[in-house]
PDB file of N, CA and C in Angstrom:
ATOM      1  N   UNK A   1      58.647 -53.039 -20.607  1.00  0.00           N
ATOM      2  CA  UNK A   1      60.012 -53.375 -20.950  1.00  0.00           C
ATOM      3  C   UNK A   1      60.698 -54.034 -19.761  1.00  0.00           C
ATOM      4  N   UNK A   2      61.509 -55.021 -20.080  1.00  0.00           N
ATOM      5  CA  UNK A   2      62.264 -55.719 -19.058  1.00  0.00           C
ATOM      6  C   UNK A   2      63.748 -55.604 -19.369  1.00  0.00           C
ATOM      7  N   UNK A   3      64.410 -54.713 -18.672  1.00  0.00           N
ATOM      8  CA  UNK A   3      65.840 -54.531 -18.865  1.00  0.00           C
ATOM      9  C   UNK A   3      66.625 -55.483 -17.983  1.00  0.00           C
ATOM     10  N   UNK A   4      67.715 -56.008 -18.551  1.00  0.00           N
ATOM     11  CA  UNK A   4      68.596 -56.923 -17.841  1.00  0.00           C
ATOM     12  C   UNK A   4      70.004 -56.328 -17.866  1.00  0.00           C
ATOM     13  N   UNK A   5      70.659 -56.297 -16.724  1.00  0.00           N
ATOM     14  CA  UNK A   5      72.030 -55.807 -16.668  1.00  0.00           C
ATOM     15  C   UNK A   5      72.928 -56.794 -17.400  1.00  0.00           C
ATOM     16  N   UNK A   6      73.734 -56.283 -18.347  1.00  0.00           N
ATOM     17  CA  UNK A   6      74.569 -57.177 -19.152  1.00  0.00           C
ATOM     18  C   UNK A   6      76.063 -56.983 -18.937  1.00  0.00           C
ATOM     19  N   UNK A   7      76.486 -55.775 -18.532  1.00  0.00           N
ATOM     20  CA  UNK A   7      77.915 -55.528 -18.339  1.00  0.00           C
ATOM     21  C   UNK A   7      78.119 -54.146 -17.740  1.00  0.00           C
ATOM     22  N   UNK A   8      79.341 -53.907 -17.313  1.00  0.00           N
ATOM     23  CA  UNK A   8      79.733 -52.557 -16.920  1.00  0.00           C
ATOM     24  C   UNK A   8      80.025 -51.770 -18.198  1.00  0.00           C
ATOM     25  N   UNK A   9      79.722 -50.496 -18.194  1.00  0.00           N
ATOM     26  CA  UNK A   9      79.997 -49.668 -19.374  1.00  0.00           C
ATOM     27  C   UNK A   9      81.481 -49.711 -19.730  1.00  0.00           C
ATOM     28  N   UNK A  10      82.322 -49.782 -18.750  1.00  0.00           N
ATOM     29  CA  UNK A  10      83.772 -49.810 -18.983  1.00  0.00           C
ATOM     30  C   UNK A  10      84.236 -51.063 -19.733  1.00  0.00           C
ATOM     31  N   UNK A  11      83.401 -52.101 -19.773  1.00  0.00           N
ATOM     32  CA  UNK A  11      83.753 -53.337 -20.486  1.00  0.00           C
ATOM     33  C   UNK A  11      83.507 -53.252 -21.983  1.00  0.00           C
ATOM     34  N   UNK A  12      82.762 -52.241 -22.422  1.00  0.00           N
ATOM     35  CA  UNK A  12      82.421 -52.116 -23.837  1.00  0.00           C
ATOM     36  C   UNK A  12      83.514 -51.303 -24.527  1.00  0.00           C
ATOM     37  N   UNK A  13      84.290 -51.935 -25.414  1.00  0.00           N
ATOM     38  CA  UNK A  13      85.364 -51.210 -26.095  1.00  0.00           C
ATOM     39  C   UNK A  13      84.806 -50.190 -27.086  1.00  0.00           C
ATOM     40  N   UNK A  14      85.641 -49.255 -27.514  1.00  0.00           N
ATOM     41  CA  UNK A  14      85.160 -48.225 -28.436  1.00  0.00           C
ATOM     42  C   UNK A  14      85.301 -48.602 -29.903  1.00  0.00           C
ATOM     43  N   UNK A  15      86.089 -49.616 -30.242  1.00  0.00           N
ATOM     44  CA  UNK A  15      86.283 -49.965 -31.644  1.00  0.00           C
ATOM     45  C   UNK A  15      85.880 -51.400 -31.985  1.00  0.00           C
ATOM     46  N   UNK A  16      85.243 -52.050 -31.067  1.00  0.00           N
ATOM     47  CA  UNK A  16      84.699 -53.389 -31.303  1.00  0.00           C
ATOM     48  C   UNK A  16      83.511 -53.582 -30.373  1.00  0.00           C
ATOM     49  N   UNK A  17      82.828 -54.683 -30.513  1.00  0.00           N
ATOM     50  CA  UNK A  17      81.634 -54.935 -29.706  1.00  0.00           C
ATOM     51  C   UNK A  17      81.924 -55.978 -28.635  1.00  0.00           C
ATOM     52  N   UNK A  18      81.087 -55.989 -27.647  1.00  0.00           N
ATOM     53  CA  UNK A  18      81.165 -56.984 -26.579  1.00  0.00           C
ATOM     54  C   UNK A  18      80.019 -57.970 -26.774  1.00  0.00           C
ATOM     55  N   UNK A  19      80.337 -59.249 -26.814  1.00  0.00           N
ATOM     56  CA  UNK A  19      79.318 -60.291 -26.956  1.00  0.00           C
ATOM     57  C   UNK A  19      78.762 -60.637 -25.577  1.00  0.00           C
ATOM     58  N   UNK A  20      77.437 -60.615 -25.452  1.00  0.00           N
ATOM     59  CA  UNK A  20      76.762 -61.005 -24.218  1.00  0.00           C
ATOM     60  C   UNK A  20      75.565 -61.871 -24.588  1.00  0.00           C
ATOM     61  N   UNK A  21      75.070 -62.618 -23.618  1.00  0.00           N
ATOM     62  CA  UNK A  21      73.851 -63.393 -23.821  1.00  0.00           C
ATOM     63  C   UNK A  21      72.771 -62.806 -22.932  1.00  0.00           C
ATOM     64  N   UNK A  22      71.624 -62.517 -23.537  1.00  0.00           N
ATOM     65  CA  UNK A  22      70.490 -61.967 -22.799  1.00  0.00           C
ATOM     66  C   UNK A  22      69.293 -62.865 -23.094  1.00  0.00           C
ATOM     67  N   UNK A  23      68.840 -63.599 -22.093  1.00  0.00           N
ATOM     68  CA  UNK A  23      67.761 -64.552 -22.329  1.00  0.00           C
ATOM     69  C   UNK A  23      68.199 -65.532 -23.405  1.00  0.00           C
ATOM     70  N   UNK A  24      67.364 -65.727 -24.433  1.00  0.00           N
ATOM     71  CA  UNK A  24      67.700 -66.701 -25.472  1.00  0.00           C
ATOM     72  C   UNK A  24      68.580 -66.151 -26.595  1.00  0.00           C
ATOM     73  N   UNK A  25      68.993 -64.885 -26.504  1.00  0.00           N
ATOM     74  CA  UNK A  25      69.670 -64.244 -27.628  1.00  0.00           C
ATOM     75  C   UNK A  25      71.120 -63.878 -27.334  1.00  0.00           C
ATOM     76  N   UNK A  26      71.938 -64.029 -28.366  1.00  0.00           N
ATOM     77  CA  UNK A  26      73.291 -63.497 -28.342  1.00  0.00           C
ATOM     78  C   UNK A  26      73.187 -62.054 -28.820  1.00  0.00           C
ATOM     79  N   UNK A  27      73.780 -61.144 -28.067  1.00  0.00           N
ATOM     80  CA  UNK A  27      73.657 -59.718 -28.321  1.00  0.00           C
ATOM     81  C   UNK A  27      75.048 -59.104 -28.416  1.00  0.00           C
ATOM     82  N   UNK A  28      75.224 -58.205 -29.366  1.00  0.00           N
ATOM     83  CA  UNK A  28      76.450 -57.425 -29.485  1.00  0.00           C
ATOM     84  C   UNK A  28      76.170 -56.049 -28.897  1.00  0.00           C
ATOM     85  N   UNK A  29      76.969 -55.648 -27.912  1.00  0.00           N
ATOM     86  CA  UNK A  29      76.846 -54.322 -27.301  1.00  0.00           C
ATOM     87  C   UNK A  29      78.018 -53.497 -27.820  1.00  0.00           C
ATOM     88  N   UNK A  30      77.709 -52.320 -28.380  1.00  0.00           N
ATOM     89  CA  UNK A  30      78.749 -51.489 -28.982  1.00  0.00           C
ATOM     90  C   UNK A  30      78.570 -50.033 -28.574  1.00  0.00           C
ATOM     91  N   UNK A  31      79.682 -49.303 -28.599  1.00  0.00           N
ATOM     92  CA  UNK A  31      79.661 -47.866 -28.280  1.00  0.00           C
ATOM     93  C   UNK A  31      80.102 -47.057 -29.480  1.00  0.00           C
ATOM     94  N   UNK A  32      79.455 -45.905 -29.620  1.00  0.00           N
ATOM     95  CA  UNK A  32      79.891 -44.905 -30.579  1.00  0.00           C
ATOM     96  C   UNK A  32      79.843 -43.576 -29.844  1.00  0.00           C
ATOM     97  N   UNK A  33      80.990 -43.075 -29.464  1.00  0.00           N
ATOM     98  CA  UNK A  33      81.028 -41.876 -28.632  1.00  0.00           C
ATOM     99  C   UNK A  33      80.377 -42.155 -27.292  1.00  0.00           C
ATOM    100  N   UNK A  34      79.395 -41.343 -26.929  1.00  0.00           N
ATOM    101  CA  UNK A  34      78.684 -41.524 -25.662  1.00  0.00           C
ATOM    102  C   UNK A  34      77.472 -42.440 -25.780  1.00  0.00           C
ATOM    103  N   UNK A  35      77.150 -42.874 -26.989  1.00  0.00           N
ATOM    104  CA  UNK A  35      75.972 -43.718 -27.192  1.00  0.00           C
ATOM    105  C   UNK A  35      76.339 -45.195 -27.116  1.00  0.00           C
ATOM    106  N   UNK A  36      75.400 -45.984 -26.583  1.00  0.00           N
ATOM    107  CA  UNK A  36      75.582 -47.433 -26.477  1.00  0.00           C
ATOM    108  C   UNK A  36      74.438 -48.099 -27.227  1.00  0.00           C
ATOM    109  N   UNK A  37      74.752 -49.127 -27.974  1.00  0.00           N
ATOM    110  CA  UNK A  37      73.776 -49.819 -28.814  1.00  0.00           C
ATOM    111  C   UNK A  37      73.819 -51.319 -28.543  1.00  0.00           C
ATOM    112  N   UNK A  38      72.688 -51.979 -28.821  1.00  0.00           N
ATOM    113  CA  UNK A  38      72.620 -53.436 -28.707  1.00  0.00           C
ATOM    114  C   UNK A  38      71.888 -53.982 -29.925  1.00  0.00           C
ATOM    115  N   UNK A  39      72.466 -54.985 -30.540  1.00  0.00           N
ATOM    116  CA  UNK A  39      71.827 -55.623 -31.676  1.00  0.00           C
ATOM    117  C   UNK A  39      72.098 -57.112 -31.624  1.00  0.00           C
ATOM    118  N   UNK A  40      71.250 -57.859 -32.319  1.00  0.00           N
ATOM    119  CA  UNK A  40      71.448 -59.303 -32.307  1.00  0.00           C
ATOM    120  C   UNK A  40      72.818 -59.608 -32.894  1.00  0.00           C
ATOM    121  N   UNK A  41      73.540 -60.458 -32.207  1.00  0.00           N
ATOM    122  CA  UNK A  41      74.915 -60.780 -32.568  1.00  0.00           C
ATOM    123  C   UNK A  41      74.940 -61.874 -33.624  1.00  0.00           C
ATOM    124  N   UNK A  42      74.317 -61.582 -34.765  1.00  0.00           N
ATOM    125  CA  UNK A  42      74.196 -62.581 -35.823  1.00  0.00           C
ATOM    126  C   UNK A  42      74.026 -61.871 -37.155  1.00  0.00           C
ATOM    127  N   UNK A  43      75.017 -61.954 -38.013  1.00  0.00           N
ATOM    128  CA  UNK A  43      74.928 -61.339 -39.335  1.00  0.00           C
ATOM    129  C   UNK A  43      73.764 -61.961 -40.104  1.00  0.00           C
ATOM    130  N   UNK A  44      72.967 -61.124 -40.734  1.00  0.00           N
ATOM    131  CA  UNK A  44      71.808 -61.633 -41.477  1.00  0.00           C
ATOM    132  C   UNK A  44      72.210 -62.287 -42.787  1.00  0.00           C
ATOM    133  N   UNK A  45      73.443 -62.153 -43.192  1.00  0.00           N
ATOM    134  CA  UNK A  45      73.891 -62.763 -44.441  1.00  0.00           C
ATOM    135  C   UNK A  45      74.537 -64.123 -44.223  1.00  0.00           C
ATOM    136  N   UNK A  46      75.444 -64.207 -43.247  1.00  0.00           N
ATOM    137  CA  UNK A  46      76.227 -65.431 -43.120  1.00  0.00           C
ATOM    138  C   UNK A  46      76.109 -66.104 -41.758  1.00  0.00           C
ATOM    139  N   UNK A  47      75.249 -65.596 -40.889  1.00  0.00           N
ATOM    140  CA  UNK A  47      75.013 -66.203 -39.576  1.00  0.00           C
ATOM    141  C   UNK A  47      76.297 -66.379 -38.765  1.00  0.00           C
ATOM    142  N   UNK A  48      77.135 -65.338 -38.739  1.00  0.00           N
ATOM    143  CA  UNK A  48      78.313 -65.326 -37.889  1.00  0.00           C
ATOM    144  C   UNK A  48      78.181 -64.170 -36.899  1.00  0.00           C
ATOM    145  N   UNK A  49      78.973 -64.204 -35.853  1.00  0.00           N
ATOM    146  CA  UNK A  49      78.878 -63.205 -34.793  1.00  0.00           C
ATOM    147  C   UNK A  49      79.356 -61.833 -35.268  1.00  0.00           C
ATOM    148  N   UNK A  50      78.479 -60.836 -35.198  1.00  0.00           N
ATOM    149  CA  UNK A  50      78.870 -59.478 -35.536  1.00  0.00           C
ATOM    150  C   UNK A  50      79.860 -58.911 -34.527  1.00  0.00           C
ATOM    151  N   UNK A  51      79.811 -59.410 -33.306  1.00  0.00           N
ATOM    152  CA  UNK A  51      80.713 -58.916 -32.264  1.00  0.00           C
ATOM    153  C   UNK A  51      82.186 -59.197 -32.578  1.00  0.00           C
ATOM    154  N   UNK A  52      82.448 -60.035 -33.559  1.00  0.00           N
ATOM    155  CA  UNK A  52      83.822 -60.333 -33.966  1.00  0.00           C
ATOM    156  C   UNK A  52      84.382 -59.253 -34.893  1.00  0.00           C
ATOM    157  N   UNK A  53      83.503 -58.356 -35.358  1.00  0.00           N
ATOM    158  CA  UNK A  53      83.931 -57.327 -36.309  1.00  0.00           C
ATOM    159  C   UNK A  53      84.267 -56.012 -35.647  1.00  0.00           C
ATOM    160  N   UNK A  54      84.683 -55.057 -36.467  1.00  0.00           N
ATOM    161  CA  UNK A  54      85.075 -53.736 -35.989  1.00  0.00           C
ATOM    162  C   UNK A  54      83.879 -52.791 -35.935  1.00  0.00           C
ATOM    163  N   UNK A  55      83.976 -51.815 -35.030  1.00  0.00           N
ATOM    164  CA  UNK A  55      82.950 -50.788 -34.876  1.00  0.00           C
ATOM    165  C   UNK A  55      83.587 -49.439 -35.179  1.00  0.00           C
ATOM    166  N   UNK A  56      82.946 -48.663 -36.066  1.00  0.00           N
ATOM    167  CA  UNK A  56      83.411 -47.314 -36.389  1.00  0.00           C
ATOM    168  C   UNK A  56      82.274 -46.544 -37.046  1.00  0.00           C
ATOM    169  N   UNK A  57      82.191 -45.257 -36.764  1.00  0.00           N
ATOM    170  CA  UNK A  57      81.213 -44.378 -37.416  1.00  0.00           C
ATOM    171  C   UNK A  57      79.789 -44.889 -37.300  1.00  0.00           C
ATOM    172  N   UNK A  58      79.433 -45.394 -36.137  1.00  0.00           N
ATOM    173  CA  UNK A  58      78.092 -45.920 -35.837  1.00  0.00           C
ATOM    174  C   UNK A  58      77.723 -47.120 -36.715  1.00  0.00           C
ATOM    175  N   UNK A  59      78.742 -47.872 -37.149  1.00  0.00           N
ATOM    176  CA  UNK A  59      78.558 -49.077 -37.949  1.00  0.00           C
ATOM    177  C   UNK A  59      79.329 -50.220 -37.303  1.00  0.00           C
ATOM    178  N   UNK A  60      78.830 -51.429 -37.537  1.00  0.00           N
ATOM    179  CA  UNK A  60      79.571 -52.624 -37.156  1.00  0.00           C
ATOM    180  C   UNK A  60      79.756 -53.450 -38.420  1.00  0.00           C
ATOM    181  N   UNK A  61      80.970 -53.976 -38.591  1.00  0.00           N
ATOM    182  CA  UNK A  61      81.301 -54.716 -39.797  1.00  0.00           C
ATOM    183  C   UNK A  61      81.379 -56.207 -39.504  1.00  0.00           C
ATOM    184  N   UNK A  62      80.745 -56.995 -40.338  1.00  0.00           N
ATOM    185  CA  UNK A  62      80.860 -58.446 -40.243  1.00  0.00           C
ATOM    186  C   UNK A  62      82.236 -58.844 -40.771  1.00  0.00           C
ATOM    187  N   UNK A  63      82.992 -59.546 -39.955  1.00  0.00           N
ATOM    188  CA  UNK A  63      84.369 -59.893 -40.321  1.00  0.00           C
ATOM    189  C   UNK A  63      84.451 -60.860 -41.492  1.00  0.00           C
ATOM    190  N   UNK A  64      83.396 -61.635 -41.742  1.00  0.00           N
ATOM    191  CA  UNK A  64      83.491 -62.694 -42.739  1.00  0.00           C
ATOM    192  C   UNK A  64      83.443 -62.184 -44.178  1.00  0.00           C
ATOM    193  N   UNK A  65      82.423 -61.372 -44.500  1.00  0.00           N
ATOM    194  CA  UNK A  65      82.270 -60.893 -45.872  1.00  0.00           C
ATOM    195  C   UNK A  65      82.249 -59.376 -45.995  1.00  0.00           C
ATOM    196  N   UNK A  66      82.391 -58.657 -44.873  1.00  0.00           N
ATOM    197  CA  UNK A  66      82.501 -57.212 -44.941  1.00  0.00           C
ATOM    198  C   UNK A  66      81.214 -56.419 -44.934  1.00  0.00           C
ATOM    199  N   UNK A  67      80.079 -57.070 -44.762  1.00  0.00           N
ATOM    200  CA  UNK A  67      78.829 -56.306 -44.656  1.00  0.00           C
ATOM    201  C   UNK A  67      78.910 -55.402 -43.432  1.00  0.00           C
ATOM    202  N   UNK A  68      78.327 -54.212 -43.537  1.00  0.00           N
ATOM    203  CA  UNK A  68      78.254 -53.327 -42.381  1.00  0.00           C
ATOM    204  C   UNK A  68      76.794 -53.068 -42.053  1.00  0.00           C
ATOM    205  N   UNK A  69      76.546 -52.848 -40.756  1.00  0.00           N
ATOM    206  CA  UNK A  69      75.196 -52.599 -40.264  1.00  0.00           C
ATOM    207  C   UNK A  69      75.203 -51.329 -39.426  1.00  0.00           C
ATOM    208  N   UNK A  70      74.163 -50.514 -39.600  1.00  0.00           N
ATOM    209  CA  UNK A  70      74.004 -49.305 -38.810  1.00  0.00           C
ATOM    210  C   UNK A  70      73.629 -49.707 -37.384  1.00  0.00           C
ATOM    211  N   UNK A  71      74.393 -49.250 -36.395  1.00  0.00           N
ATOM    212  CA  UNK A  71      74.114 -49.613 -35.003  1.00  0.00           C
ATOM    213  C   UNK A  71      72.766 -49.076 -34.528  1.00  0.00           C
ATOM    214  N   UNK A  72      72.313 -47.961 -35.096  1.00  0.00           N
ATOM    215  CA  UNK A  72      71.051 -47.341 -34.669  1.00  0.00           C
ATOM    216  C   UNK A  72      69.825 -48.071 -35.197  1.00  0.00           C
ATOM    217  N   UNK A  73      69.929 -48.577 -36.428  1.00  0.00           N
ATOM    218  CA  UNK A  73      68.746 -49.146 -37.089  1.00  0.00           C
ATOM    219  C   UNK A  73      68.842 -50.636 -37.366  1.00  0.00           C
ATOM    220  N   UNK A  74      70.043 -51.192 -37.346  1.00  0.00           N
ATOM    221  CA  UNK A  74      70.243 -52.591 -37.705  1.00  0.00           C
ATOM    222  C   UNK A  74      70.245 -52.844 -39.200  1.00  0.00           C
ATOM    223  N   UNK A  75      70.032 -51.798 -39.998  1.00  0.00           N
ATOM    224  CA  UNK A  75      69.975 -51.962 -41.453  1.00  0.00           C
ATOM    225  C   UNK A  75      71.375 -52.159 -42.026  1.00  0.00           C
ATOM    226  N   UNK A  76      71.483 -53.058 -43.015  1.00  0.00           N
ATOM    227  CA  UNK A  76      72.772 -53.226 -43.670  1.00  0.00           C
ATOM    228  C   UNK A  76      73.071 -51.995 -44.526  1.00  0.00           C
ATOM    229  N   UNK A  77      74.325 -51.589 -44.544  1.00  0.00           N
ATOM    230  CA  UNK A  77      74.710 -50.422 -45.338  1.00  0.00           C
ATOM    231  C   UNK A  77      75.640 -50.802 -46.488  1.00  0.00           C
ATOM    232  N   UNK A  78      76.118 -52.048 -46.478  1.00  0.00           N
ATOM    233  CA  UNK A  78      76.919 -52.555 -47.597  1.00  0.00           C
ATOM    234  C   UNK A  78      76.536 -54.014 -47.837  1.00  0.00           C
ATOM    235  N   UNK A  79      76.762 -54.453 -49.062  1.00  0.00           N
ATOM    236  CA  UNK A  79      76.511 -55.840 -49.427  1.00  0.00           C
ATOM    237  C   UNK A  79      77.636 -56.715 -48.893  1.00  0.00           C
ATOM    238  N   UNK A  80      77.435 -58.013 -48.775  1.00  0.00           N
ATOM    239  CA  UNK A  80      76.358 -58.782 -49.355  1.00  0.00           C
ATOM    240  C   UNK A  80      75.081 -58.862 -48.504  1.00  0.00           C
ATOM    241  N   UNK A  81      75.095 -58.393 -47.266  1.00  0.00           N
ATOM    242  CA  UNK A  81      73.875 -58.459 -46.443  1.00  0.00           C
ATOM    243  C   UNK A  81      72.801 -57.532 -47.017  1.00  0.00           C
ATOM    244  N   UNK A  82      71.556 -58.006 -47.005  1.00  0.00           N
ATOM    245  CA  UNK A  82      70.437 -57.196 -47.487  1.00  0.00           C
ATOM    246  C   UNK A  82      69.314 -57.094 -46.458  1.00  0.00           C
ATOM    247  N   UNK A  83      69.367 -57.904 -45.413  1.00  0.00           N
ATOM    248  CA  UNK A  83      68.333 -57.910 -44.385  1.00  0.00           C
ATOM    249  C   UNK A  83      68.867 -57.289 -43.098  1.00  0.00           C
ATOM    250  N   UNK A  84      68.033 -56.526 -42.388  1.00  0.00           N
ATOM    251  CA  UNK A  84      68.477 -55.922 -41.120  1.00  0.00           C
ATOM    252  C   UNK A  84      68.562 -56.956 -40.005  1.00  0.00           C
ATOM    253  N   UNK A  85      69.265 -56.579 -38.952  1.00  0.00           N
ATOM    254  CA  UNK A  85      69.320 -57.386 -37.733  1.00  0.00           C
ATOM    255  C   UNK A  85      68.538 -56.653 -36.651  1.00  0.00           C
ATOM    256  N   UNK A  86      68.033 -57.391 -35.677  1.00  0.00           N
ATOM    257  CA  UNK A  86      67.241 -56.800 -34.599  1.00  0.00           C
ATOM    258  C   UNK A  86      68.100 -55.871 -33.742  1.00  0.00           C
ATOM    259  N   UNK A  87      67.521 -54.733 -33.379  1.00  0.00           N
ATOM    260  CA  UNK A  87      68.166 -53.807 -32.449  1.00  0.00           C
ATOM    261  C   UNK A  87      67.306 -53.715 -31.196  1.00  0.00           C
ATOM    262  N   UNK A  88      67.953 -53.562 -30.052  1.00  0.00           N
ATOM    263  CA  UNK A  88      67.264 -53.604 -28.765  1.00  0.00           C
ATOM    264  C   UNK A  88      67.458 -52.305 -27.980  1.00  0.00           C
ATOM    265  N   UNK A  89      66.483 -51.952 -27.141  1.00  0.00           N
ATOM    266  CA  UNK A  89      66.636 -50.783 -26.278  1.00  0.00           C
ATOM    267  C   UNK A  89      67.768 -50.989 -25.273  1.00  0.00           C
ATOM    268  N   UNK A  90      68.510 -49.911 -25.024  1.00  0.00           N
ATOM    269  CA  UNK A  90      69.632 -49.915 -24.086  1.00  0.00           C
ATOM    270  C   UNK A  90      69.421 -48.796 -23.074  1.00  0.00           C
ATOM    271  N   UNK A  91      69.794 -49.068 -21.853  1.00  0.00           N
ATOM    272  CA  UNK A  91      69.756 -48.063 -20.803  1.00  0.00           C
ATOM    273  C   UNK A  91      71.061 -48.166 -20.028  1.00  0.00           C
ATOM    274  N   UNK A  92      71.746 -47.039 -19.845  1.00  0.00           N
ATOM    275  CA  UNK A  92      72.955 -47.008 -19.033  1.00  0.00           C
ATOM    276  C   UNK A  92      72.568 -46.393 -17.689  1.00  0.00           C
ATOM    277  N   UNK A  93      72.825 -47.144 -16.626  1.00  0.00           N
ATOM    278  CA  UNK A  93      72.411 -46.718 -15.291  1.00  0.00           C
ATOM    279  C   UNK A  93      73.602 -46.656 -14.346  1.00  0.00           C
ATOM    280  N   UNK A  94      73.553 -45.665 -13.475  1.00  0.00           N
ATOM    281  CA  UNK A  94      74.562 -45.555 -12.435  1.00  0.00           C
ATOM    282  C   UNK A  94      74.173 -46.451 -11.270  1.00  0.00           C
ATOM    283  N   UNK A  95      75.117 -47.229 -10.801  1.00  0.00           N
ATOM    284  CA  UNK A  95      74.912 -48.076  -9.625  1.00  0.00           C
ATOM    285  C   UNK A  95      75.999 -47.738  -8.611  1.00  0.00           C
ATOM    286  N   UNK A  96      75.965 -48.384  -7.473  1.00  0.00           N
ATOM    287  CA  UNK A  96      76.974 -48.129  -6.438  1.00  0.00           C
ATOM    288  C   UNK A  96      78.396 -48.415  -6.916  1.00  0.00           C
ATOM    289  N   UNK A  97      78.520 -49.326  -7.895  1.00  0.00           N
ATOM    290  CA  UNK A  97      79.864 -49.667  -8.365  1.00  0.00           C
ATOM    291  C   UNK A  97      80.127 -49.200  -9.799  1.00  0.00           C
ATOM    292  N   UNK A  98      79.507 -48.124 -10.222  1.00  0.00           N
ATOM    293  CA  UNK A  98      79.787 -47.541 -11.538  1.00  0.00           C
ATOM    294  C   UNK A  98      78.617 -47.603 -12.492  1.00  0.00           C
ATOM    295  N   UNK A  99      78.890 -47.294 -13.758  1.00  0.00           N
ATOM    296  CA  UNK A  99      77.867 -47.305 -14.798  1.00  0.00           C
ATOM    297  C   UNK A  99      77.738 -48.701 -15.386  1.00  0.00           C
ATOM    298  N   UNK A 100      76.488 -49.130 -15.572  1.00  0.00           N
ATOM    299  CA  UNK A 100      76.219 -50.451 -16.141  1.00  0.00           C
ATOM    300  C   UNK A 100      75.259 -50.346 -17.314  1.00  0.00           C
ATOM    301  N   UNK A 101      75.400 -51.290 -18.241  1.00  0.00           N
ATOM    302  CA  UNK A 101      74.562 -51.346 -19.436  1.00  0.00           C
ATOM    303  C   UNK A 101      73.447 -52.356 -19.208  1.00  0.00           C
ATOM    304  N   UNK A 102      72.223 -51.932 -19.517  1.00  0.00           N
ATOM    305  CA  UNK A 102      71.038 -52.784 -19.419  1.00  0.00           C
ATOM    306  C   UNK A 102      70.417 -52.882 -20.812  1.00  0.00           C
ATOM    307  N   UNK A 103      69.946 -54.078 -21.172  1.00  0.00           N
ATOM    308  CA  UNK A 103      69.348 -54.318 -22.487  1.00  0.00           C
ATOM    309  C   UNK A 103      68.008 -55.001 -22.305  1.00  0.00           C
ATOM    310  N   UNK A 104      67.042 -54.631 -23.147  1.00  0.00           N
ATOM    311  CA  UNK A 104      65.716 -55.248 -23.150  1.00  0.00           C
ATOM    312  C   UNK A 104      65.546 -56.024 -24.452  1.00  0.00           C
ATOM    313  N   UNK A 105      65.613 -57.356 -24.401  1.00  0.00           N
ATOM    314  CA  UNK A 105      65.458 -58.159 -25.626  1.00  0.00           C
ATOM    315  C   UNK A 105      64.010 -58.545 -25.896  1.00  0.00           C
ATOM    316  N   UNK A 106      63.107 -58.146 -25.012  1.00  0.00           N
ATOM    317  CA  UNK A 106      61.692 -58.421 -25.248  1.00  0.00           C
ATOM    318  C   UNK A 106      61.086 -57.421 -26.227  1.00  0.00           C
ATOM    319  N   UNK A 107      61.795 -56.350 -26.489  1.00  0.00           N
ATOM    320  CA  UNK A 107      61.339 -55.295 -27.395  1.00  0.00           C
ATOM    321  C   UNK A 107      62.419 -55.066 -28.439  1.00  0.00           C
ATOM    322  N   UNK A 108      62.027 -54.880 -29.698  1.00  0.00           N
ATOM    323  CA  UNK A 108      63.007 -54.480 -30.704  1.00  0.00           C
ATOM    324  C   UNK A 108      62.683 -53.059 -31.136  1.00  0.00           C
ATOM    325  N   UNK A 109      63.713 -52.297 -31.393  1.00  0.00           N
ATOM    326  CA  UNK A 109      63.534 -50.905 -31.795  1.00  0.00           C
ATOM    327  C   UNK A 109      63.152 -50.782 -33.271  1.00  0.00           C
ATOM    328  N   UNK A 110      63.549 -51.756 -34.066  1.00  0.00           N
ATOM    329  CA  UNK A 110      63.330 -51.664 -35.506  1.00  0.00           C
ATOM    330  C   UNK A 110      62.287 -52.643 -36.031  1.00  0.00           C
ATOM    331  N   UNK A 111      61.610 -53.359 -35.155  1.00  0.00           N
ATOM    332  CA  UNK A 111      60.544 -54.279 -35.586  1.00  0.00           C
ATOM    333  C   UNK A 111      61.030 -55.589 -36.167  1.00  0.00           C
ATOM    334  N   UNK A 112      62.338 -55.830 -36.182  1.00  0.00           N
ATOM    335  CA  UNK A 112      62.877 -57.090 -36.696  1.00  0.00           C
ATOM    336  C   UNK A 112      62.786 -58.132 -35.584  1.00  0.00           C
ATOM    337  N   UNK A 113      62.231 -59.280 -35.887  1.00  0.00           N
ATOM    338  CA  UNK A 113      62.130 -60.355 -34.904  1.00  0.00           C
ATOM    339  C   UNK A 113      63.462 -61.082 -34.809  1.00  0.00           C
ATOM    340  N   UNK A 114      64.043 -61.125 -33.605  1.00  0.00           N
ATOM    341  CA  UNK A 114      65.311 -61.847 -33.464  1.00  0.00           C
ATOM    342  C   UNK A 114      65.114 -63.339 -33.676  1.00  0.00           C
ATOM    343  N   UNK A 115      66.175 -63.981 -34.166  1.00  0.00           N
ATOM    344  CA  UNK A 115      66.094 -65.426 -34.432  1.00  0.00           C
ATOM    345  C   UNK A 115      66.928 -66.197 -33.445  1.00  0.00           C
TER     346      UNK A 115
END
């Protein structure tokens, strides 16, 4: 696994996602309580940024048509989306200047190939 530092933990809001670029992929980093998640920042239904939507109850909502995706699995939980989005391993590490979020886009947790 190759983790890349993407942001400080303090930059990730609790009710929306933070858009970052990791290698060739746009990634949405989101928090639910103490957990941090990373998924491809691209709705599988309408190809818009998921990071533009709201985060609540371990779900992220696509602002365009209202599809929601489980942050843990990338699976859609409401229509119109029917295909999952790629989810990536996350590691939160303490550094000299605070906690930082690291993401590995070379590996997917759910087996979905990012586009």
